Amino acid sequence: MLRFIFISSFIFILNFNLYSQISEDTKTDLSVSEKVENFEIIITVRHFGRKFHIVTVNQDSIIVERNVNNKKKYFRESRLFMNEEKTNYTSFLEQFPIEEFKESYYNKNVKDGTQLNFSIKINSKLKEIGIANYYIKELGELVFETNKLIHEKYMIWYSKENCPTEIEK
């Protein structure tokens, strides 16, 4: 009886170690995230079809421009990333589904409203996306992460509440 318990315990430990090793190998193989080496995210807010507000985030800095078409009221502010900000933003971008978006999402039933352009470059991948009066969850998350980096009065207003028509990418 003791011999049976010993052999059963040995087989259990052997199988557990083998299973743990297979699980670790599988986790590595299933990883779809890519290390972000360089990036440039440009979010342009349009007002009546004209550029109004531009936020640019790259691996080094954050740049905010307002009143782009008005030389008297034009405003530009830039600053460098803080280490923790860069780490958090880069981690977000590593999971961002850049290749899953179409080039444009336009709601023809609304004449005016939320109009945004996204130029998203992550490593060697580039995607240009235009949106008018649609909310897309993943782009909303990108705006949310970007808004964490800028002053409250320069935030980009893109949310499900401001743009009630939500569609899948």
Protein backbone atom coordinates (compact mmCIF):
# COMPACT_ATOMS: atom_id res chain seq x y z
CA MET A 1 0.00 0.00 0.00
CA LEU A 2 2.80 2.38 0.92
CA ARG A 3 4.57 1.50 -2.28
CA PHE A 4 1.41 2.32 -4.28
CA ILE A 5 1.09 5.76 -2.61
CA PHE A 6 4.77 6.49 -3.26
CA ILE A 7 4.52 5.53 -6.97
CA SER A 8 1.26 7.48 -7.39
CA SER A 9 2.81 10.55 -5.77
CA PHE A 10 5.89 10.27 -7.99
CA ILE A 11 3.74 10.02 -11.16
CA PHE A 12 1.63 13.01 -10.03
CA ILE A 13 4.74 15.18 -9.44
CA LEU A 14 6.26 14.11 -12.76
CA ASN A 15 3.02 14.92 -14.65
CA PHE A 16 2.61 18.24 -12.81
CA ASN A 17 6.15 19.34 -13.75
CA LEU A 18 5.64 18.26 -17.35
CA TYR A 19 2.27 20.08 -17.51
CA SER A 20 3.82 23.25 -16.03
CA GLN A 21 6.57 23.19 -18.64
CA ILE A 22 4.07 22.72 -21.48
CA SER A 23 1.93 25.57 -20.12
CA GLU A 24 4.92 27.92 -20.01
CA ASP A 25 5.91 27.00 -23.58
CA THR A 26 2.33 27.51 -24.76
CA LYS A 27 2.11 30.94 -23.11
CA THR A 28 5.22 32.02 -24.97
CA ASP A 29 3.95 30.72 -28.30
CA LEU A 30 0.52 32.33 -27.93
CA SER A 31 1.87 35.79 -27.15
CA VAL A 32 0.69 38.20 -29.86
CA SER A 33 2.11 41.39 -28.42
CA GLU A 34 5.05 42.96 -30.15
CA LYS A 35 7.68 45.02 -28.36
CA VAL A 36 7.18 48.66 -29.30
CA GLU A 37 10.47 50.19 -30.39
CA ASN A 38 9.14 53.43 -31.87
CA PHE A 39 5.76 55.00 -32.41
CA GLU A 40 3.96 58.14 -33.46
CA ILE A 41 0.30 58.70 -32.73
CA ILE A 42 -1.31 61.80 -34.24
CA ILE A 43 -4.92 62.52 -33.34
CA THR A 44 -6.51 65.40 -35.23
CA VAL A 45 -9.84 66.86 -34.15
CA ARG A 46 -11.74 68.58 -36.95
CA HIS A 47 -14.32 71.31 -36.55
CA PHE A 48 -16.51 71.94 -39.61
CA GLY A 49 -14.03 69.87 -41.62
CA ARG A 50 -11.00 71.99 -40.70
CA LYS A 51 -8.15 70.97 -38.41
CA PHE A 52 -8.73 72.43 -34.97
CA HIS A 53 -6.79 70.44 -32.38
CA ILE A 54 -3.82 68.09 -32.90
CA VAL A 55 -2.17 65.86 -30.33
CA THR A 56 1.05 64.09 -31.30
CA VAL A 57 2.64 61.44 -29.11
CA ASN A 58 5.89 59.74 -30.06
CA GLN A 59 8.50 57.73 -28.20
CA ASP A 60 10.12 60.95 -26.93
CA SER A 61 7.49 63.62 -26.45
CA ILE A 62 3.90 64.84 -26.30
CA ILE A 63 2.83 67.82 -28.42
CA VAL A 64 -0.51 69.62 -28.21
CA GLU A 65 -1.63 72.17 -30.80
CA ARG A 66 -4.91 74.12 -30.60
CA ASN A 67 -6.60 76.59 -32.92
CA VAL A 68 -4.45 75.31 -35.78
CA ASN A 69 -6.22 77.47 -38.39
CA ASN A 70 -6.20 80.69 -36.35
CA LYS A 71 -2.80 82.40 -36.18
CA LYS A 72 -3.93 84.82 -33.44
CA LYS A 73 -5.19 82.06 -31.11
CA TYR A 74 -2.76 79.30 -32.11
CA PHE A 75 -1.31 77.47 -29.14
CA ARG A 76 1.44 74.84 -29.00
CA GLU A 77 2.82 73.03 -25.99
CA SER A 78 5.29 70.17 -25.89
CA ARG A 79 7.06 68.18 -23.22
CA LEU A 80 9.09 65.03 -22.80
CA PHE A 81 7.65 61.75 -21.59
CA MET A 82 8.20 60.84 -17.96
CA ASN A 83 9.50 57.27 -17.58
CA GLU A 84 6.34 55.85 -15.99
CA GLU A 85 4.12 57.53 -18.60
CA LYS A 86 6.18 56.10 -21.42
CA THR A 87 6.14 52.62 -19.90
CA ASN A 88 2.35 52.68 -19.47
CA TYR A 89 1.65 54.11 -22.93
CA THR A 90 4.03 51.68 -24.63
CA SER A 91 2.43 48.74 -22.78
CA PHE A 92 -0.97 49.87 -24.07
CA LEU A 93 0.34 50.15 -27.64
CA GLU A 94 1.83 46.64 -27.49
CA GLN A 95 -1.73 45.29 -27.26
CA PHE A 96 -3.31 47.76 -29.70
CA PRO A 97 -4.93 46.04 -32.73
CA ILE A 98 -3.56 48.42 -35.38
CA GLU A 99 -4.16 46.10 -38.34
CA GLU A 100 -7.85 45.49 -37.61
CA PHE A 101 -9.17 48.92 -38.58
CA LYS A 102 -10.64 50.13 -41.85
CA GLU A 103 -9.49 53.48 -43.30
CA SER A 104 -12.74 55.30 -42.64
CA TYR A 105 -15.90 55.19 -40.60
CA TYR A 106 -18.40 57.88 -41.65
CA ASN A 107 -21.97 58.15 -40.42
CA LYS A 108 -23.75 59.78 -43.36
CA ASN A 109 -26.88 60.38 -41.26
CA VAL A 110 -25.15 63.11 -39.22
CA LYS A 111 -24.09 66.32 -40.97
CA ASP A 112 -21.86 67.71 -38.21
CA GLY A 113 -20.41 66.29 -35.03
CA THR A 114 -17.38 64.35 -33.91
CA GLN A 115 -14.71 64.21 -36.61
CA LEU A 116 -11.33 62.69 -35.86
CA ASN A 117 -8.37 61.50 -37.85
CA PHE A 118 -5.89 59.02 -36.43
CA SER A 119 -2.42 58.47 -37.84
CA ILE A 120 -1.04 55.52 -35.93
CA LYS A 121 2.49 54.30 -36.52
CA ILE A 122 3.76 51.50 -34.32
CA ASN A 123 7.19 50.18 -35.31
CA SER A 124 6.89 49.69 -39.08
CA LYS A 125 3.08 49.48 -39.16
CA LEU A 126 1.14 52.58 -40.21
CA LYS A 127 -2.63 53.04 -40.23
CA GLU A 128 -4.59 56.17 -41.17
CA ILE A 129 -8.17 56.18 -39.86
CA GLY A 130 -10.89 58.78 -40.36
CA ILE A 131 -13.98 58.85 -38.16
CA ALA A 132 -17.11 60.98 -38.35
CA ASN A 133 -19.85 60.45 -35.79
CA TYR A 134 -19.04 56.87 -34.87
CA TYR A 135 -17.58 55.53 -31.66
CA ILE A 136 -15.11 52.65 -31.82
CA LYS A 137 -14.16 51.20 -28.45
CA GLU A 138 -10.47 50.56 -29.22
CA LEU A 139 -9.93 54.07 -30.57
CA GLY A 140 -11.79 55.42 -27.54
CA GLU A 141 -9.28 53.58 -25.36
CA LEU A 142 -6.41 55.11 -27.37
CA VAL A 143 -7.86 58.59 -26.82
CA PHE A 144 -8.31 57.82 -23.11
CA GLU A 145 -4.67 56.75 -22.76
CA THR A 146 -3.53 59.81 -24.71
CA ASN A 147 -5.67 62.14 -22.58
CA LYS A 148 -3.84 60.89 -19.48
CA LEU A 149 -0.72 62.59 -20.87
CA ILE A 150 -2.13 66.07 -21.51
CA HIS A 151 -3.66 68.88 -19.48
CA GLU A 152 -7.38 68.62 -18.83
CA LYS A 153 -8.26 71.72 -20.87
CA TYR A 154 -6.61 70.20 -24.00
CA MET A 155 -8.23 66.78 -23.79
CA ILE A 156 -9.77 65.17 -26.84
CA TRP A 157 -13.50 64.65 -26.38
CA TYR A 158 -14.23 61.28 -27.90
CA SER A 159 -16.50 59.03 -25.90
CA LYS A 160 -19.55 56.87 -26.33
CA GLU A 161 -21.61 59.62 -24.71
CA ASN A 162 -20.41 62.28 -27.21
CA CYS A 163 -20.75 59.94 -30.16
CA PRO A 164 -23.69 57.60 -29.48
CA THR A 165 -23.40 55.48 -32.63
CA GLU A 166 -21.02 52.66 -31.78
CA ILE A 167 -19.74 50.20 -34.35
CA GLU A 168 -17.28 47.35 -34.37
CA LYS A 169 -13.91 47.94 -36.05
